[in-house]
Amino acid sequence: MTKIKVKISHDKTSCINCGTCVILSPEDFANSDDGVVLVDGKASNGLWQKTIEVDDARLTKIKDAADSCPVMAIKFEILKK
């Protein structure tokens, strides 16, 4: 199975905590007392980010979460296929 390296960014200052990303990509987003968080993310330049290797199915979930965010607080970048 081919893995794809992807960087996910979550801008918590723009996030309105609607929870759509949590439903669509629960491996990567979760609800917390502080609102929606990027699971295992690290703060960098005002964004929460993480770089992981995923399969096609998980990449689709991440893409769906980013595309469904009403305030575009989620971005992803494919680094390597």
N, C-alpha and C. Protein backbone atom coordinates (compact mmCIF):
# COMPACT_ATOMS: atom_id res chain seq x y z
N MET A 1 0.84 -1.18 0.00
CA MET A 1 0.00 0.00 0.00
C MET A 1 0.89 1.25 0.00
N THR A 2 0.65 2.13 -0.92
CA THR A 2 1.42 3.36 -1.04
C THR A 2 0.97 4.37 0.00
N LYS A 3 1.94 4.97 0.66
CA LYS A 3 1.65 6.03 1.63
C LYS A 3 1.96 7.38 1.00
N ILE A 4 1.21 8.36 1.40
CA ILE A 4 1.34 9.72 0.90
C ILE A 4 1.69 10.61 2.08
N LYS A 5 2.77 11.39 1.95
CA LYS A 5 3.16 12.31 3.01
C LYS A 5 2.39 13.61 2.83
N VAL A 6 1.72 14.04 3.89
CA VAL A 6 0.85 15.22 3.82
C VAL A 6 1.05 16.09 5.06
N LYS A 7 1.03 17.40 4.84
CA LYS A 7 1.08 18.35 5.96
C LYS A 7 -0.31 18.97 6.11
N ILE A 8 -0.84 18.90 7.32
CA ILE A 8 -2.15 19.46 7.63
C ILE A 8 -1.94 20.69 8.51
N SER A 9 -2.66 21.77 8.19
CA SER A 9 -2.61 22.99 8.99
C SER A 9 -4.02 23.35 9.42
N HIS A 10 -4.15 23.76 10.68
CA HIS A 10 -5.44 24.16 11.24
C HIS A 10 -5.27 25.51 11.92
N ASP A 11 -5.95 26.52 11.41
CA ASP A 11 -5.89 27.87 11.96
C ASP A 11 -6.98 28.02 13.02
N LYS A 12 -6.58 27.84 14.28
CA LYS A 12 -7.56 27.90 15.38
C LYS A 12 -8.16 29.29 15.55
N THR A 13 -7.47 30.34 15.12
CA THR A 13 -8.02 31.68 15.28
C THR A 13 -9.18 31.92 14.31
N SER A 14 -9.18 31.22 13.18
CA SER A 14 -10.28 31.34 12.21
C SER A 14 -11.39 30.33 12.47
N CYS A 15 -11.07 29.25 13.14
CA CYS A 15 -12.00 28.13 13.35
C CYS A 15 -13.21 28.59 14.16
N ILE A 16 -14.40 28.19 13.70
CA ILE A 16 -15.64 28.52 14.43
C ILE A 16 -16.17 27.31 15.20
N ASN A 17 -15.40 26.23 15.24
CA ASN A 17 -15.73 25.04 16.03
C ASN A 17 -17.05 24.39 15.63
N CYS A 18 -17.33 24.37 14.34
CA CYS A 18 -18.59 23.76 13.89
C CYS A 18 -18.55 22.23 14.00
N GLY A 19 -17.34 21.64 13.98
CA GLY A 19 -17.19 20.21 14.18
C GLY A 19 -17.31 19.35 12.93
N THR A 20 -17.48 19.94 11.78
CA THR A 20 -17.59 19.16 10.55
C THR A 20 -16.34 18.32 10.32
N CYS A 21 -15.18 18.89 10.57
CA CYS A 21 -13.92 18.17 10.37
C CYS A 21 -13.82 16.97 11.30
N VAL A 22 -14.35 17.10 12.50
CA VAL A 22 -14.32 16.00 13.48
C VAL A 22 -15.13 14.81 12.96
N ILE A 23 -16.25 15.11 12.32
CA ILE A 23 -17.10 14.06 11.76
C ILE A 23 -16.44 13.41 10.54
N LEU A 24 -15.85 14.23 9.69
CA LEU A 24 -15.30 13.73 8.42
C LEU A 24 -13.92 13.09 8.56
N SER A 25 -13.12 13.56 9.50
CA SER A 25 -11.76 13.05 9.65
C SER A 25 -11.40 12.91 11.13
N PRO A 26 -12.06 11.97 11.83
CA PRO A 26 -11.87 11.86 13.28
C PRO A 26 -10.48 11.42 13.70
N GLU A 27 -9.69 10.84 12.79
CA GLU A 27 -8.32 10.49 13.15
C GLU A 27 -7.44 11.74 13.30
N ASP A 28 -7.89 12.84 12.70
CA ASP A 28 -7.05 14.04 12.65
C ASP A 28 -7.61 15.23 13.40
N PHE A 29 -8.91 15.25 13.67
CA PHE A 29 -9.54 16.37 14.37
C PHE A 29 -10.40 15.85 15.51
N ALA A 30 -10.42 16.62 16.61
CA ALA A 30 -11.20 16.21 17.78
C ALA A 30 -11.76 17.44 18.48
N ASN A 31 -12.84 17.24 19.20
CA ASN A 31 -13.39 18.29 20.06
C ASN A 31 -12.65 18.26 21.38
N SER A 32 -12.41 19.44 21.93
CA SER A 32 -11.78 19.54 23.25
C SER A 32 -12.43 20.70 24.00
N ASP A 33 -12.02 20.92 25.22
CA ASP A 33 -12.53 22.05 25.99
C ASP A 33 -12.18 23.38 25.33
N ASP A 34 -11.14 23.38 24.49
CA ASP A 34 -10.70 24.60 23.78
C ASP A 34 -11.25 24.67 22.37
N GLY A 35 -12.24 23.85 22.03
CA GLY A 35 -12.79 23.82 20.68
C GLY A 35 -12.16 22.70 19.87
N VAL A 36 -12.26 22.81 18.57
CA VAL A 36 -11.72 21.78 17.68
C VAL A 36 -10.19 21.87 17.70
N VAL A 37 -9.54 20.71 17.77
CA VAL A 37 -8.08 20.65 17.76
C VAL A 37 -7.61 19.67 16.70
N LEU A 38 -6.40 19.92 16.20
CA LEU A 38 -5.71 19.01 15.30
C LEU A 38 -5.01 17.98 16.16
N VAL A 39 -5.42 16.71 16.08
CA VAL A 39 -4.86 15.65 16.90
C VAL A 39 -3.36 15.54 16.64
N ASP A 40 -2.56 15.57 17.71
CA ASP A 40 -1.10 15.48 17.66
C ASP A 40 -0.46 16.63 16.89
N GLY A 41 -1.17 17.75 16.76
CA GLY A 41 -0.61 18.91 16.07
C GLY A 41 0.33 19.70 16.96
N LYS A 42 1.20 20.47 16.34
CA LYS A 42 2.14 21.35 17.04
C LYS A 42 1.92 22.77 16.55
N ALA A 43 2.03 23.74 17.46
CA ALA A 43 1.87 25.14 17.08
C ALA A 43 3.10 25.61 16.32
N SER A 44 2.85 26.31 15.19
CA SER A 44 3.93 26.83 14.37
C SER A 44 3.41 28.03 13.59
N ASN A 45 4.01 29.19 13.81
CA ASN A 45 3.62 30.41 13.10
C ASN A 45 2.13 30.71 13.20
N GLY A 46 1.55 30.50 14.38
CA GLY A 46 0.14 30.79 14.59
C GLY A 46 -0.81 29.72 14.10
N LEU A 47 -0.28 28.64 13.53
CA LEU A 47 -1.10 27.54 13.05
C LEU A 47 -0.74 26.28 13.82
N TRP A 48 -1.71 25.38 13.90
CA TRP A 48 -1.43 24.04 14.41
C TRP A 48 -1.17 23.18 13.19
N GLN A 49 -0.05 22.45 13.19
CA GLN A 49 0.33 21.66 12.03
C GLN A 49 0.84 20.29 12.43
N LYS A 50 0.72 19.38 11.48
CA LYS A 50 1.38 18.08 11.64
C LYS A 50 1.64 17.52 10.25
N THR A 51 2.69 16.71 10.15
CA THR A 51 3.03 16.04 8.91
C THR A 51 2.97 14.54 9.18
N ILE A 52 2.20 13.84 8.35
CA ILE A 52 1.99 12.41 8.54
C ILE A 52 1.99 11.70 7.20
N GLU A 53 2.11 10.39 7.24
CA GLU A 53 1.95 9.56 6.05
C GLU A 53 0.60 8.87 6.13
N VAL A 54 -0.16 8.96 5.05
CA VAL A 54 -1.52 8.42 5.03
C VAL A 54 -1.76 7.60 3.78
N ASP A 55 -2.79 6.78 3.82
CA ASP A 55 -3.21 6.06 2.61
C ASP A 55 -4.24 6.92 1.87
N ASP A 56 -4.67 6.45 0.72
CA ASP A 56 -5.63 7.21 -0.10
C ASP A 56 -6.94 7.49 0.64
N ALA A 57 -7.43 6.51 1.39
CA ALA A 57 -8.70 6.68 2.09
C ALA A 57 -8.61 7.80 3.14
N ARG A 58 -7.53 7.83 3.90
CA ARG A 58 -7.38 8.88 4.91
C ARG A 58 -7.14 10.24 4.25
N LEU A 59 -6.40 10.26 3.16
CA LEU A 59 -6.21 11.52 2.44
C LEU A 59 -7.54 12.08 1.97
N THR A 60 -8.43 11.22 1.52
CA THR A 60 -9.76 11.66 1.11
C THR A 60 -10.51 12.28 2.27
N LYS A 61 -10.40 11.69 3.46
CA LYS A 61 -11.06 12.26 4.65
C LYS A 61 -10.50 13.64 4.99
N ILE A 62 -9.19 13.79 4.90
CA ILE A 62 -8.55 15.07 5.18
C ILE A 62 -9.01 16.12 4.17
N LYS A 63 -9.02 15.72 2.90
CA LYS A 63 -9.46 16.63 1.83
C LYS A 63 -10.92 17.04 2.05
N ASP A 64 -11.77 16.08 2.39
CA ASP A 64 -13.18 16.38 2.65
C ASP A 64 -13.34 17.34 3.82
N ALA A 65 -12.54 17.14 4.87
CA ALA A 65 -12.61 18.04 6.03
C ALA A 65 -12.20 19.46 5.62
N ALA A 66 -11.12 19.58 4.87
CA ALA A 66 -10.66 20.90 4.42
C ALA A 66 -11.69 21.56 3.50
N ASP A 67 -12.21 20.79 2.56
CA ASP A 67 -13.19 21.34 1.61
C ASP A 67 -14.50 21.74 2.28
N SER A 68 -14.84 21.09 3.39
CA SER A 68 -16.11 21.34 4.06
C SER A 68 -16.04 22.42 5.13
N CYS A 69 -14.85 22.88 5.45
CA CYS A 69 -14.70 23.90 6.49
C CYS A 69 -15.31 25.22 6.00
N PRO A 70 -16.32 25.73 6.71
CA PRO A 70 -17.00 26.94 6.23
C PRO A 70 -16.15 28.20 6.28
N VAL A 71 -15.07 28.19 7.06
CA VAL A 71 -14.20 29.37 7.15
C VAL A 71 -12.80 29.10 6.62
N MET A 72 -12.62 27.97 5.96
CA MET A 72 -11.34 27.58 5.34
C MET A 72 -10.17 27.62 6.34
N ALA A 73 -10.43 27.12 7.55
CA ALA A 73 -9.40 27.10 8.59
C ALA A 73 -8.47 25.90 8.45
N ILE A 74 -8.80 24.97 7.54
CA ILE A 74 -8.00 23.76 7.36
C ILE A 74 -7.38 23.77 5.97
N LYS A 75 -6.08 23.54 5.93
CA LYS A 75 -5.35 23.42 4.67
C LYS A 75 -4.54 22.13 4.72
N PHE A 76 -4.26 21.58 3.56
CA PHE A 76 -3.37 20.44 3.51
C PHE A 76 -2.51 20.54 2.28
N GLU A 77 -1.33 19.94 2.38
CA GLU A 77 -0.38 19.97 1.26
C GLU A 77 0.22 18.58 1.12
N ILE A 78 0.16 18.03 -0.07
CA ILE A 78 0.79 16.74 -0.34
C ILE A 78 2.28 17.01 -0.55
N LEU A 79 3.10 16.37 0.27
CA LEU A 79 4.54 16.59 0.20
C LEU A 79 5.25 15.55 -0.64
N LYS A 80 4.73 14.32 -0.64
CA LYS A 80 5.40 13.24 -1.35
C LYS A 80 4.43 12.10 -1.56
N LYS A 81 4.44 11.55 -2.77
CA LYS A 81 3.62 10.36 -3.05
C LYS A 81 4.51 9.16 -3.12
